[in-house]
Amino acid sequence: MGVRLCVGLGNPGAKYGMTRHNVGWLAVDALLEKLNKFASFEYRCNGMMWGPFEVEGERVYLLKPLTFMNLSGRSVVQAKRELNLDNNNILIVYDDIWLPFGKLRLRAKGSAGGHNGMASVIGALGTLEIPRLRIGTGGEEPIEDLIGFVLSPFYEEEMKALPDVLERAAKAILAWVTMDIEHAISYVNSSL
């Protein structure tokens, strides 16, 4: 299948660490721990942390942009150029407040759906045809302050469920790495 790039979207800084908007980063960290408890990002440069890892015989680069969310596309474009990748070999992992908490959705393409980080990636790559894993962070109540909500910490009940959500997200990323996109979508959206 060739080299792959998995990008977890989030914001740098301790104050954003356990917020809904950082669930992409948290999912990449969960995968990293699943691969090797002692692994770490090899490179920290040019506005990103990233490194190569072996996943079931496949070379996968995990990347966390160090730009703020709205500038995430810069890091994705830079890594794409350095690795000489096609867009279908890039997976963007991010939060989706329109999905119920913990719901996963893998797609081969689509709009940003109001997500500024994904909009930055789409703008930088110049296409909607970018695989993405959306992780639901929405609640049951209507959201009045969108920015406040995505930048707020998880509720206590959500924190208890978060390890399971991140474990399933790591499995979803592995499915994307090891399966063709149609089979990965079917597996993730129906089984995880």
N, C-alpha and C. Protein backbone atom coordinates (compact mmCIF):
# COMPACT_ATOMS: atom_id res chain seq x y z
N MET A 1 0.81 -1.20 0.00
CA MET A 1 0.00 0.00 0.00
C MET A 1 0.84 1.26 0.00
N GLY A 2 2.11 1.16 0.37
CA GLY A 2 2.99 2.32 0.36
C GLY A 2 2.95 3.10 1.65
N VAL A 3 3.70 4.20 1.66
CA VAL A 3 3.80 5.05 2.84
C VAL A 3 2.47 5.75 3.07
N ARG A 4 2.10 5.88 4.33
CA ARG A 4 0.87 6.56 4.73
C ARG A 4 1.20 7.66 5.74
N LEU A 5 0.33 8.64 5.82
CA LEU A 5 0.46 9.74 6.78
C LEU A 5 -0.85 9.88 7.52
N CYS A 6 -0.80 9.80 8.84
CA CYS A 6 -1.98 9.99 9.69
C CYS A 6 -1.76 11.26 10.51
N VAL A 7 -2.66 12.23 10.35
CA VAL A 7 -2.54 13.53 10.99
C VAL A 7 -3.65 13.69 12.02
N GLY A 8 -3.27 13.91 13.27
CA GLY A 8 -4.24 14.21 14.32
C GLY A 8 -4.31 15.71 14.52
N LEU A 9 -5.48 16.30 14.30
CA LEU A 9 -5.62 17.75 14.46
C LEU A 9 -5.83 18.10 15.93
N GLY A 10 -5.27 19.24 16.32
CA GLY A 10 -5.40 19.72 17.69
C GLY A 10 -4.71 21.05 17.84
N ASN A 11 -4.69 21.55 19.05
CA ASN A 11 -4.02 22.81 19.38
C ASN A 11 -2.87 22.54 20.32
N PRO A 12 -1.73 23.23 20.13
CA PRO A 12 -0.60 23.04 21.05
C PRO A 12 -0.87 23.74 22.38
N GLY A 13 -0.20 23.28 23.41
CA GLY A 13 -0.29 23.92 24.72
C GLY A 13 -1.09 23.11 25.71
N ALA A 14 -0.63 23.13 26.95
CA ALA A 14 -1.24 22.32 28.01
C ALA A 14 -2.71 22.68 28.24
N LYS A 15 -3.07 23.95 28.06
CA LYS A 15 -4.45 24.34 28.35
C LYS A 15 -5.45 23.72 27.38
N TYR A 16 -4.98 23.25 26.22
CA TYR A 16 -5.86 22.61 25.25
C TYR A 16 -5.80 21.09 25.28
N GLY A 17 -4.88 20.54 26.08
CA GLY A 17 -4.59 19.12 26.04
C GLY A 17 -5.77 18.18 26.10
N MET A 18 -6.68 18.40 27.02
CA MET A 18 -7.81 17.48 27.20
C MET A 18 -9.13 18.15 26.81
N THR A 19 -9.10 18.90 25.73
CA THR A 19 -10.33 19.53 25.23
C THR A 19 -10.86 18.74 24.04
N ARG A 20 -12.11 18.98 23.72
CA ARG A 20 -12.75 18.28 22.59
C ARG A 20 -12.00 18.51 21.28
N HIS A 21 -11.50 19.73 21.09
CA HIS A 21 -10.83 20.07 19.84
C HIS A 21 -9.51 19.31 19.67
N ASN A 22 -9.01 18.71 20.73
CA ASN A 22 -7.73 17.99 20.66
C ASN A 22 -7.90 16.49 20.55
N VAL A 23 -9.10 16.01 20.30
CA VAL A 23 -9.31 14.56 20.26
C VAL A 23 -8.54 13.92 19.10
N GLY A 24 -8.24 14.65 18.04
CA GLY A 24 -7.40 14.12 16.96
C GLY A 24 -5.99 13.81 17.46
N TRP A 25 -5.43 14.75 18.22
CA TRP A 25 -4.11 14.52 18.83
C TRP A 25 -4.17 13.32 19.76
N LEU A 26 -5.21 13.27 20.59
CA LEU A 26 -5.34 12.18 21.56
C LEU A 26 -5.45 10.83 20.87
N ALA A 27 -6.13 10.77 19.73
CA ALA A 27 -6.26 9.51 18.99
C ALA A 27 -4.92 9.07 18.43
N VAL A 28 -4.13 10.01 17.92
CA VAL A 28 -2.80 9.67 17.41
C VAL A 28 -1.91 9.19 18.55
N ASP A 29 -2.01 9.84 19.70
CA ASP A 29 -1.25 9.39 20.88
C ASP A 29 -1.67 7.99 21.30
N ALA A 30 -2.97 7.70 21.24
CA ALA A 30 -3.47 6.36 21.60
C ALA A 30 -2.92 5.31 20.64
N LEU A 31 -2.85 5.64 19.36
CA LEU A 31 -2.28 4.70 18.39
C LEU A 31 -0.80 4.51 18.66
N LEU A 32 -0.09 5.58 18.94
CA LEU A 32 1.33 5.50 19.23
C LEU A 32 1.58 4.58 20.42
N GLU A 33 0.77 4.71 21.47
CA GLU A 33 0.91 3.85 22.64
C GLU A 33 0.59 2.40 22.30
N LYS A 34 -0.40 2.21 21.45
CA LYS A 34 -0.78 0.85 21.04
C LYS A 34 0.35 0.19 20.24
N LEU A 35 1.04 0.98 19.43
CA LEU A 35 2.13 0.44 18.62
C LEU A 35 3.34 0.09 19.47
N ASN A 36 3.66 0.97 20.41
CA ASN A 36 4.85 0.78 21.23
C ASN A 36 4.80 1.77 22.38
N LYS A 37 4.68 1.26 23.58
CA LYS A 37 4.56 2.13 24.75
C LYS A 37 5.75 3.08 24.91
N PHE A 38 6.88 2.75 24.30
CA PHE A 38 8.07 3.57 24.46
C PHE A 38 8.37 4.42 23.24
N ALA A 39 7.52 4.35 22.24
CA ALA A 39 7.73 5.13 21.02
C ALA A 39 7.43 6.60 21.28
N SER A 40 8.06 7.44 20.50
CA SER A 40 7.79 8.88 20.59
C SER A 40 7.99 9.49 19.21
N PHE A 41 7.55 10.72 19.07
CA PHE A 41 7.73 11.39 17.80
C PHE A 41 9.20 11.70 17.60
N GLU A 42 9.71 11.35 16.43
CA GLU A 42 11.13 11.47 16.15
C GLU A 42 11.54 12.90 15.86
N TYR A 43 10.69 13.64 15.18
CA TYR A 43 11.04 14.98 14.74
C TYR A 43 10.08 16.01 15.32
N ARG A 44 10.64 17.12 15.70
CA ARG A 44 9.84 18.27 16.15
C ARG A 44 10.44 19.48 15.44
N CYS A 45 9.84 19.83 14.32
CA CYS A 45 10.40 20.91 13.52
C CYS A 45 9.34 21.50 12.61
N ASN A 46 9.59 22.71 12.15
CA ASN A 46 8.74 23.37 11.16
C ASN A 46 7.26 23.30 11.51
N GLY A 47 6.93 23.51 12.76
CA GLY A 47 5.53 23.57 13.15
C GLY A 47 4.82 22.25 13.25
N MET A 48 5.57 21.16 13.47
CA MET A 48 4.91 19.86 13.61
C MET A 48 5.78 18.88 14.39
N MET A 49 5.12 17.91 15.01
CA MET A 49 5.80 16.75 15.61
C MET A 49 5.40 15.57 14.76
N TRP A 50 6.39 14.80 14.33
CA TRP A 50 6.04 13.65 13.52
C TRP A 50 7.15 12.63 13.54
N GLY A 51 6.83 11.44 13.07
CA GLY A 51 7.81 10.38 13.00
C GLY A 51 7.26 9.16 12.29
N PRO A 52 8.18 8.32 11.78
CA PRO A 52 7.77 7.10 11.08
C PRO A 52 7.60 5.93 12.05
N PHE A 53 6.63 5.10 11.76
CA PHE A 53 6.36 3.91 12.56
C PHE A 53 5.98 2.77 11.64
N GLU A 54 6.21 1.55 12.09
CA GLU A 54 5.78 0.37 11.34
C GLU A 54 4.45 -0.10 11.89
N VAL A 55 3.49 -0.27 11.01
CA VAL A 55 2.16 -0.75 11.39
C VAL A 55 1.85 -1.95 10.51
N GLU A 56 1.92 -3.14 11.10
CA GLU A 56 1.65 -4.38 10.37
C GLU A 56 2.39 -4.41 9.04
N GLY A 57 3.67 -4.09 9.09
CA GLY A 57 4.52 -4.14 7.90
C GLY A 57 4.42 -2.93 6.99
N GLU A 58 3.58 -1.97 7.33
CA GLU A 58 3.42 -0.76 6.52
C GLU A 58 4.10 0.41 7.21
N ARG A 59 4.70 1.30 6.43
CA ARG A 59 5.35 2.50 6.96
C ARG A 59 4.28 3.59 7.09
N VAL A 60 4.09 4.07 8.32
CA VAL A 60 3.10 5.11 8.60
C VAL A 60 3.78 6.24 9.36
N TYR A 61 3.59 7.44 8.89
CA TYR A 61 4.05 8.62 9.61
C TYR A 61 2.88 9.16 10.41
N LEU A 62 3.10 9.39 11.69
CA LEU A 62 2.10 10.03 12.54
C LEU A 62 2.52 11.48 12.72
N LEU A 63 1.56 12.38 12.62
CA LEU A 63 1.88 13.80 12.66
C LEU A 63 0.88 14.55 13.53
N LYS A 64 1.40 15.46 14.35
CA LYS A 64 0.57 16.38 15.12
C LYS A 64 1.05 17.79 14.79
N PRO A 65 0.23 18.57 14.07
CA PRO A 65 0.63 19.95 13.77
C PRO A 65 0.80 20.75 15.06
N LEU A 66 1.83 21.58 15.10
CA LEU A 66 2.06 22.46 16.25
C LEU A 66 1.56 23.87 15.98
N THR A 67 1.01 24.07 14.80
CA THR A 67 0.32 25.32 14.50
C THR A 67 -1.01 25.24 15.24
N PHE A 68 -1.69 26.32 15.35
CA PHE A 68 -3.02 26.21 15.92
C PHE A 68 -3.95 25.60 14.88
N MET A 69 -5.08 25.11 15.33
CA MET A 69 -6.02 24.35 14.51
C MET A 69 -6.27 24.99 13.14
N ASN A 70 -6.50 26.28 13.11
CA ASN A 70 -6.89 26.95 11.87
C ASN A 70 -5.78 27.01 10.84
N LEU A 71 -4.56 26.61 11.20
CA LEU A 71 -3.42 26.62 10.27
C LEU A 71 -2.90 25.21 10.01
N SER A 72 -3.66 24.20 10.35
CA SER A 72 -3.21 22.81 10.24
C SER A 72 -2.78 22.42 8.83
N GLY A 73 -3.39 23.00 7.83
CA GLY A 73 -3.07 22.65 6.45
C GLY A 73 -1.61 22.85 6.10
N ARG A 74 -0.95 23.82 6.73
CA ARG A 74 0.47 24.08 6.44
C ARG A 74 1.32 22.84 6.72
N SER A 75 1.11 22.23 7.87
CA SER A 75 1.89 21.04 8.24
C SER A 75 1.58 19.87 7.33
N VAL A 76 0.31 19.71 6.99
CA VAL A 76 -0.10 18.59 6.13
C VAL A 76 0.55 18.71 4.76
N VAL A 77 0.52 19.91 4.18
CA VAL A 77 1.13 20.13 2.86
C VAL A 77 2.64 19.88 2.92
N GLN A 78 3.28 20.37 3.97
CA GLN A 78 4.72 20.17 4.10
C GLN A 78 5.07 18.69 4.18
N ALA A 79 4.36 17.94 5.00
CA ALA A 79 4.63 16.50 5.12
C ALA A 79 4.31 15.78 3.82
N LYS A 80 3.23 16.16 3.16
CA LYS A 80 2.86 15.54 1.88
C LYS A 80 3.99 15.71 0.87
N ARG A 81 4.55 16.91 0.80
CA ARG A 81 5.66 17.17 -0.14
C ARG A 81 6.89 16.36 0.23
N GLU A 82 7.25 16.37 1.51
CA GLU A 82 8.45 15.65 1.94
C GLU A 82 8.34 14.15 1.69
N LEU A 83 7.15 13.60 1.85
CA LEU A 83 6.95 12.16 1.69
C LEU A 83 6.49 11.78 0.28
N ASN A 84 6.20 12.79 -0.55
CA ASN A 84 5.74 12.57 -1.93
C ASN A 84 4.50 11.67 -1.95
N LEU A 85 3.47 12.10 -1.23
CA LEU A 85 2.25 11.29 -1.06
C LEU A 85 1.11 11.77 -1.95
N ASP A 86 0.26 10.84 -2.32
CA ASP A 86 -1.04 11.17 -2.91
C ASP A 86 -1.99 11.46 -1.76
N ASN A 87 -3.03 12.24 -2.03
CA ASN A 87 -3.99 12.58 -0.97
C ASN A 87 -4.67 11.36 -0.37
N ASN A 88 -4.88 10.31 -1.18
CA ASN A 88 -5.56 9.12 -0.64
C ASN A 88 -4.69 8.35 0.36
N ASN A 89 -3.43 8.73 0.50
CA ASN A 89 -2.54 8.11 1.50
C ASN A 89 -2.38 8.98 2.74
N ILE A 90 -3.27 9.95 2.89
CA ILE A 90 -3.27 10.84 4.05
C ILE A 90 -4.61 10.69 4.76
N LEU A 91 -4.57 10.50 6.07
CA LEU A 91 -5.79 10.43 6.88
C LEU A 91 -5.76 11.57 7.89
N ILE A 92 -6.82 12.36 7.92
CA ILE A 92 -6.95 13.44 8.88
C ILE A 92 -7.92 12.98 9.98
N VAL A 93 -7.49 13.08 11.23
CA VAL A 93 -8.30 12.65 12.37
C VAL A 93 -8.66 13.89 13.19
N TYR A 94 -9.96 14.09 13.41
CA TYR A 94 -10.37 15.31 14.10
C TYR A 94 -11.72 15.15 14.79
N ASP A 95 -12.04 16.12 15.62
CA ASP A 95 -13.29 16.15 16.39
C ASP A 95 -14.45 16.59 15.51
N ASP A 96 -15.63 16.09 15.84
CA ASP A 96 -16.84 16.51 15.14
C ASP A 96 -17.96 16.70 16.17
N ILE A 97 -18.32 17.95 16.41
CA ILE A 97 -19.36 18.24 17.41
C ILE A 97 -20.75 17.86 16.93
N TRP A 98 -20.90 17.59 15.65
CA TRP A 98 -22.22 17.22 15.12
C TRP A 98 -22.48 15.72 15.24
N LEU A 99 -21.46 14.96 15.61
CA LEU A 99 -21.64 13.53 15.90
C LEU A 99 -21.76 13.36 17.41
N PRO A 100 -22.58 12.42 17.86
CA PRO A 100 -22.67 12.16 19.30
C PRO A 100 -21.31 11.74 19.86
N PHE A 101 -21.08 12.04 21.12
CA PHE A 101 -19.81 11.71 21.76
C PHE A 101 -19.47 10.24 21.54
N GLY A 102 -18.25 9.99 21.06
CA GLY A 102 -17.74 8.64 20.89
C GLY A 102 -18.05 7.98 19.56
N LYS A 103 -18.93 8.55 18.76
CA LYS A 103 -19.28 7.98 17.45
C LYS A 103 -18.12 8.23 16.49
N LEU A 104 -17.74 7.21 15.73
CA LEU A 104 -16.68 7.33 14.73
C LEU A 104 -17.27 7.30 13.34
N ARG A 105 -16.70 8.10 12.44
CA ARG A 105 -17.12 8.10 11.04
C ARG A 105 -15.89 8.24 10.16
N LEU A 106 -15.63 7.22 9.35
CA LEU A 106 -14.54 7.25 8.38
C LEU A 106 -15.14 7.56 7.02
N ARG A 107 -14.54 8.48 6.30
CA ARG A 107 -14.99 8.86 4.96
C ARG A 107 -13.78 9.02 4.05
N ALA A 108 -13.99 8.80 2.76
CA ALA A 108 -12.92 8.96 1.77
C ALA A 108 -12.78 10.41 1.33
N LYS A 109 -13.85 11.19 1.47
CA LYS A 109 -13.82 12.59 1.03
C LYS A 109 -15.02 13.31 1.63
N GLY A 110 -15.05 14.62 1.44
CA GLY A 110 -16.18 15.40 1.92
C GLY A 110 -15.78 16.82 2.25
N SER A 111 -16.76 17.60 2.66
CA SER A 111 -16.50 18.99 3.02
C SER A 111 -15.89 19.06 4.42
N ALA A 112 -15.58 20.27 4.84
CA ALA A 112 -15.03 20.49 6.18
C ALA A 112 -16.12 20.40 7.24
N GLY A 113 -17.37 20.54 6.86
CA GLY A 113 -18.47 20.45 7.81
C GLY A 113 -18.40 21.49 8.92
N GLY A 114 -17.82 22.65 8.61
CA GLY A 114 -17.72 23.71 9.61
C GLY A 114 -16.50 23.62 10.51
N HIS A 115 -15.64 22.62 10.28
CA HIS A 115 -14.44 22.44 11.11
C HIS A 115 -13.29 23.24 10.50
N ASN A 116 -12.79 24.23 11.24
CA ASN A 116 -11.76 25.12 10.69
C ASN A 116 -10.44 24.43 10.40
N GLY A 117 -10.06 23.45 11.21
CA GLY A 117 -8.83 22.71 10.94
C GLY A 117 -8.92 21.92 9.65
N MET A 118 -10.05 21.24 9.45
CA MET A 118 -10.24 20.49 8.21
C MET A 118 -10.36 21.44 7.03
N ALA A 119 -10.97 22.60 7.23
CA ALA A 119 -11.06 23.60 6.16
C ALA A 119 -9.66 24.06 5.75
N SER A 120 -8.77 24.21 6.72
CA SER A 120 -7.38 24.59 6.42
C SER A 120 -6.69 23.51 5.60
N VAL A 121 -6.91 22.25 5.95
CA VAL A 121 -6.31 21.13 5.21
C VAL A 121 -6.86 21.09 3.78
N ILE A 122 -8.17 21.22 3.64
CA ILE A 122 -8.80 21.21 2.31
C ILE A 122 -8.27 22.37 1.47
N GLY A 123 -8.16 23.54 2.07
CA GLY A 123 -7.64 24.70 1.35
C GLY A 123 -6.20 24.52 0.93
N ALA A 124 -5.38 23.97 1.82
CA ALA A 124 -3.96 23.77 1.52
C ALA A 124 -3.74 22.71 0.45
N LEU A 125 -4.53 21.65 0.48
CA LEU A 125 -4.37 20.57 -0.50
C LEU A 125 -5.18 20.83 -1.77
N GLY A 126 -6.13 21.74 -1.70
CA GLY A 126 -6.90 22.12 -2.87
C GLY A 126 -7.91 21.08 -3.34
N THR A 127 -8.40 20.25 -2.42
CA THR A 127 -9.36 19.21 -2.80
C THR A 127 -10.18 18.78 -1.59
N LEU A 128 -11.37 18.27 -1.87
CA LEU A 128 -12.21 17.66 -0.84
C LEU A 128 -11.92 16.18 -0.69
N GLU A 129 -11.14 15.63 -1.62
CA GLU A 129 -10.88 14.19 -1.65
C GLU A 129 -9.70 13.83 -0.77
N ILE A 130 -9.97 13.88 0.53
CA ILE A 130 -8.97 13.57 1.56
C ILE A 130 -9.66 12.65 2.56
N PRO A 131 -9.14 11.44 2.77
CA PRO A 131 -9.74 10.57 3.79
C PRO A 131 -9.70 11.23 5.17
N ARG A 132 -10.76 10.98 5.94
CA ARG A 132 -10.82 11.57 7.27
C ARG A 132 -11.57 10.67 8.23
N LEU A 133 -11.12 10.70 9.48
CA LEU A 133 -11.79 10.00 10.57
C LEU A 133 -12.31 11.07 11.51
N ARG A 134 -13.62 11.15 11.62
CA ARG A 134 -14.26 12.12 12.52
C ARG A 134 -14.63 11.39 13.81
N ILE A 135 -14.30 12.02 14.92
CA ILE A 135 -14.60 11.47 16.24
C ILE A 135 -15.63 12.37 16.90
N GLY A 136 -16.78 11.80 17.21
CA GLY A 136 -17.87 12.58 17.78
C GLY A 136 -17.55 13.12 19.16
N THR A 137 -17.75 14.42 19.33
CA THR A 137 -17.55 15.08 20.62
C THR A 137 -18.80 15.86 21.03
N GLY A 138 -19.88 15.68 20.28
CA GLY A 138 -21.11 16.42 20.55
C GLY A 138 -21.87 15.87 21.73
N GLY A 139 -22.76 16.69 22.23
CA GLY A 139 -23.60 16.28 23.35
C GLY A 139 -25.04 16.19 22.91
N GLU A 140 -25.90 15.97 23.87
CA GLU A 140 -27.32 15.87 23.57
C GLU A 140 -28.01 17.23 23.59
N GLU A 141 -27.41 18.20 24.23
CA GLU A 141 -27.99 19.54 24.32
C GLU A 141 -27.53 20.39 23.14
N PRO A 142 -28.36 21.34 22.70
CA PRO A 142 -27.94 22.27 21.65
C PRO A 142 -26.72 23.07 22.12
N ILE A 143 -25.82 23.36 21.21
CA ILE A 143 -24.59 24.08 21.54
C ILE A 143 -24.80 25.55 21.20
N GLU A 144 -24.74 26.40 22.22
CA GLU A 144 -24.93 27.83 22.00
C GLU A 144 -23.61 28.53 21.73
N ASP A 145 -22.57 28.18 22.48
CA ASP A 145 -21.25 28.79 22.32
C ASP A 145 -20.32 27.75 21.71
N LEU A 146 -20.28 27.72 20.39
CA LEU A 146 -19.52 26.70 19.67
C LEU A 146 -18.04 26.71 20.03
N ILE A 147 -17.42 27.87 19.99
CA ILE A 147 -15.98 27.96 20.29
C ILE A 147 -15.72 27.55 21.73
N GLY A 148 -16.52 28.06 22.65
CA GLY A 148 -16.36 27.69 24.06
C GLY A 148 -16.50 26.19 24.27
N PHE A 149 -17.45 25.58 23.56
CA PHE A 149 -17.69 24.15 23.71
C PHE A 149 -16.49 23.33 23.23
N VAL A 150 -15.98 23.60 22.02
CA VAL A 150 -14.89 22.77 21.49
C VAL A 150 -13.59 22.98 22.25
N LEU A 151 -13.43 24.15 22.88
CA LEU A 151 -12.21 24.42 23.63
C LEU A 151 -12.35 24.12 25.12
N SER A 152 -13.47 23.53 25.50
CA SER A 152 -13.68 23.18 26.92
C SER A 152 -13.27 21.73 27.17
N PRO A 153 -12.94 21.43 28.43
CA PRO A 153 -12.60 20.04 28.77
C PRO A 153 -13.82 19.13 28.63
N PHE A 154 -13.54 17.86 28.52
CA PHE A 154 -14.61 16.87 28.47
C PHE A 154 -15.35 16.86 29.81
N TYR A 155 -16.63 16.51 29.77
CA TYR A 155 -17.40 16.33 30.99
C TYR A 155 -16.88 15.08 31.72
N GLU A 156 -17.19 14.98 33.01
CA GLU A 156 -16.71 13.86 33.82
C GLU A 156 -17.10 12.51 33.22
N GLU A 157 -18.35 12.38 32.78
CA GLU A 157 -18.81 11.11 32.19
C GLU A 157 -18.05 10.80 30.90
N GLU A 158 -17.77 11.86 30.13
CA GLU A 158 -17.02 11.69 28.88
C GLU A 158 -15.59 11.25 29.17
N MET A 159 -14.99 11.81 30.22
CA MET A 159 -13.62 11.43 30.58
C MET A 159 -13.54 9.94 30.91
N LYS A 160 -14.58 9.42 31.55
CA LYS A 160 -14.60 8.00 31.88
C LYS A 160 -14.68 7.14 30.62
N ALA A 161 -15.41 7.62 29.62
CA ALA A 161 -15.59 6.87 28.37
C ALA A 161 -14.48 7.12 27.36
N LEU A 162 -13.69 8.18 27.56
CA LEU A 162 -12.68 8.57 26.57
C LEU A 162 -11.66 7.49 26.23
N PRO A 163 -11.12 6.73 27.20
CA PRO A 163 -10.16 5.68 26.83
C PRO A 163 -10.72 4.69 25.81
N ASP A 164 -11.99 4.30 25.98
CA ASP A 164 -12.61 3.39 25.02
C ASP A 164 -12.75 4.05 23.65
N VAL A 165 -13.14 5.31 23.62
CA VAL A 165 -13.29 6.04 22.35
C VAL A 165 -11.94 6.09 21.63
N LEU A 166 -10.88 6.40 22.37
CA LEU A 166 -9.56 6.52 21.76
C LEU A 166 -9.03 5.16 21.30
N GLU A 167 -9.34 4.11 22.04
CA GLU A 167 -8.96 2.74 21.62
C GLU A 167 -9.65 2.40 20.31
N ARG A 168 -10.93 2.71 20.20
CA ARG A 168 -11.66 2.45 18.95
C ARG A 168 -11.13 3.31 17.81
N ALA A 169 -10.76 4.55 18.11
CA ALA A 169 -10.18 5.43 17.08
C ALA A 169 -8.85 4.87 16.59
N ALA A 170 -8.03 4.35 17.50
CA ALA A 170 -6.76 3.73 17.10
C ALA A 170 -7.01 2.53 16.20
N LYS A 171 -8.02 1.73 16.53
CA LYS A 171 -8.38 0.58 15.68
C LYS A 171 -8.86 1.06 14.30
N ALA A 172 -9.58 2.16 14.28
CA ALA A 172 -10.06 2.71 13.01
C ALA A 172 -8.89 3.16 12.13
N ILE A 173 -7.90 3.79 12.74
CA ILE A 173 -6.72 4.21 11.99
C ILE A 173 -5.99 2.99 11.45
N LEU A 174 -5.85 1.96 12.27
CA LEU A 174 -5.20 0.72 11.81
C LEU A 174 -5.97 0.10 10.65
N ALA A 175 -7.29 0.15 10.70
CA ALA A 175 -8.10 -0.37 9.59
C ALA A 175 -7.80 0.40 8.32
N TRP A 176 -7.69 1.72 8.42
CA TRP A 176 -7.37 2.55 7.25
C TRP A 176 -5.99 2.19 6.69
N VAL A 177 -5.05 1.88 7.57
CA VAL A 177 -3.69 1.53 7.13
C VAL A 177 -3.68 0.17 6.43
N THR A 178 -4.42 -0.79 6.95
CA THR A 178 -4.28 -2.18 6.49
C THR A 178 -5.33 -2.64 5.49
N MET A 179 -6.39 -1.87 5.30
CA MET A 179 -7.46 -2.27 4.37
C MET A 179 -7.59 -1.24 3.25
N ASP A 180 -8.24 -1.64 2.16
CA ASP A 180 -8.57 -0.62 1.16
C ASP A 180 -9.66 0.26 1.77
N ILE A 181 -9.83 1.46 1.23
CA ILE A 181 -10.69 2.45 1.87
C ILE A 181 -12.14 1.99 2.00
N GLU A 182 -12.68 1.29 1.00
CA GLU A 182 -14.07 0.85 1.07
C GLU A 182 -14.29 -0.13 2.21
N HIS A 183 -13.37 -1.10 2.35
CA HIS A 183 -13.49 -2.08 3.44
C HIS A 183 -13.27 -1.41 4.80
N ALA A 184 -12.33 -0.48 4.86
CA ALA A 184 -12.08 0.22 6.12
C ALA A 184 -13.30 1.03 6.54
N ILE A 185 -13.93 1.72 5.58
CA ILE A 185 -15.13 2.51 5.88
C ILE A 185 -16.24 1.60 6.40
N SER A 186 -16.46 0.49 5.74
CA SER A 186 -17.51 -0.44 6.15
C SER A 186 -17.25 -0.97 7.56
N TYR A 187 -16.01 -1.37 7.82
CA TYR A 187 -15.65 -1.91 9.13
C TYR A 187 -15.81 -0.85 10.23
N VAL A 188 -15.23 0.31 10.02
CA VAL A 188 -15.25 1.35 11.05
C VAL A 188 -16.67 1.84 11.32
N ASN A 189 -17.40 2.14 10.27
CA ASN A 189 -18.72 2.75 10.45
C ASN A 189 -19.79 1.77 10.94
N SER A 190 -19.53 0.47 10.78
CA SER A 190 -20.53 -0.50 11.26
C SER A 190 -20.10 -1.25 12.51
N SER A 191 -18.79 -1.36 12.75
CA SER A 191 -18.31 -2.19 13.86
C SER A 191 -17.68 -1.42 15.00
N LEU A 192 -17.19 -0.24 14.74
CA LEU A 192 -16.51 0.50 15.81
C LEU A 192 -17.37 1.66 16.28
